[in-house]
Amino acid sequence: MIKRVVAGPGDPVPAGLGPALAARAGKPVPQDRFVLLGDNAAHSHDSRHTGFVQRGDILAVVVRRLTRPR
């Protein structure tokens, strides 16, 4: 699965992320935790459902988009 990091340690938890993080909105993200969101809100299993994601559960980081040669 590929998700976007929307908040990292020390960043405020964004509002409107659903019940898993509603009580934490505006408070800082704990150390070694992240808030991840998928692009399709209706079908994405992300922090809106699971809450914070631990640093150890992130397997890789995308550094740029790959394009096909023309």
Protein backbone atom coordinates (compact mmCIF):
# COMPACT_ATOMS: atom_id res chain seq x y z
CA MET A 1 0.00 0.00 0.00
CA ILE A 2 1.17 3.51 -0.72
CA LYS A 3 0.04 6.30 1.59
CA ARG A 4 0.88 9.96 2.02
CA VAL A 5 2.39 11.24 5.29
CA VAL A 6 0.24 14.19 6.36
CA ALA A 7 1.70 14.67 9.85
CA GLY A 8 4.84 13.47 11.59
CA PRO A 9 6.19 13.57 15.14
CA GLY A 10 5.47 16.95 16.75
CA ASP A 11 3.14 18.14 13.97
CA PRO A 12 -0.48 18.86 14.95
CA VAL A 13 -2.96 16.12 14.13
CA PRO A 14 -5.20 17.43 11.32
CA ALA A 15 -8.90 17.84 12.12
CA GLY A 16 -11.62 15.85 10.38
CA LEU A 17 -9.84 12.51 10.16
CA GLY A 18 -12.61 10.39 11.62
CA PRO A 19 -13.11 8.64 14.94
CA ALA A 20 -9.65 7.07 15.24
CA LEU A 21 -7.96 10.47 15.70
CA ALA A 22 -10.86 12.84 16.49
CA ALA A 23 -9.88 13.29 20.14
CA ARG A 24 -6.28 14.07 19.13
CA ALA A 25 -7.09 16.82 16.58
CA GLY A 26 -4.75 19.78 17.05
CA LYS A 27 -2.53 17.93 19.53
CA PRO A 28 1.02 16.92 18.52
CA VAL A 29 1.69 13.57 16.88
CA PRO A 30 3.66 11.41 19.36
CA GLN A 31 7.32 10.58 18.83
CA ASP A 32 7.97 7.85 16.22
CA ARG A 33 4.34 7.99 15.00
CA PHE A 34 2.84 9.29 11.75
CA VAL A 35 -0.56 10.12 10.28
CA LEU A 36 -0.99 8.51 6.85
CA LEU A 37 -3.78 9.06 4.31
CA GLY A 38 -4.62 7.33 1.06
CA ASP A 39 -5.80 9.19 -2.03
CA ASN A 40 -9.26 7.57 -2.12
CA ALA A 41 -11.02 8.55 1.13
CA ALA A 42 -13.99 6.25 0.50
CA HIS A 43 -11.91 3.08 0.05
CA SER A 44 -8.54 3.72 1.69
CA HIS A 45 -7.54 1.89 4.88
CA ASP A 46 -5.40 4.52 6.61
CA SER A 47 -5.07 6.63 9.78
CA ARG A 48 -8.73 7.61 9.53
CA HIS A 49 -9.44 4.02 10.60
CA THR A 50 -6.33 2.82 12.41
CA GLY A 51 -4.95 5.95 14.08
CA PHE A 52 -1.22 6.56 14.26
CA VAL A 53 1.27 4.41 12.35
CA GLN A 54 4.58 3.49 13.99
CA ARG A 55 7.83 4.40 12.26
CA GLY A 56 8.79 0.70 12.15
CA ASP A 57 5.68 -0.10 10.09
CA ILE A 58 6.77 2.21 7.25
CA LEU A 59 8.78 0.07 4.84
CA ALA A 60 9.99 2.57 2.25
CA VAL A 61 9.87 6.19 1.19
CA VAL A 62 9.03 7.37 -2.32
CA VAL A 63 11.46 10.07 -3.36
CA ARG A 64 10.14 10.80 -6.83
CA ARG A 65 7.64 9.67 -9.41
CA LEU A 66 8.88 7.36 -12.14
CA THR A 67 7.93 8.20 -15.70
CA ARG A 68 7.98 6.03 -18.79
CA PRO A 69 10.55 6.89 -21.46
CA ARG A 70 9.03 8.33 -24.61
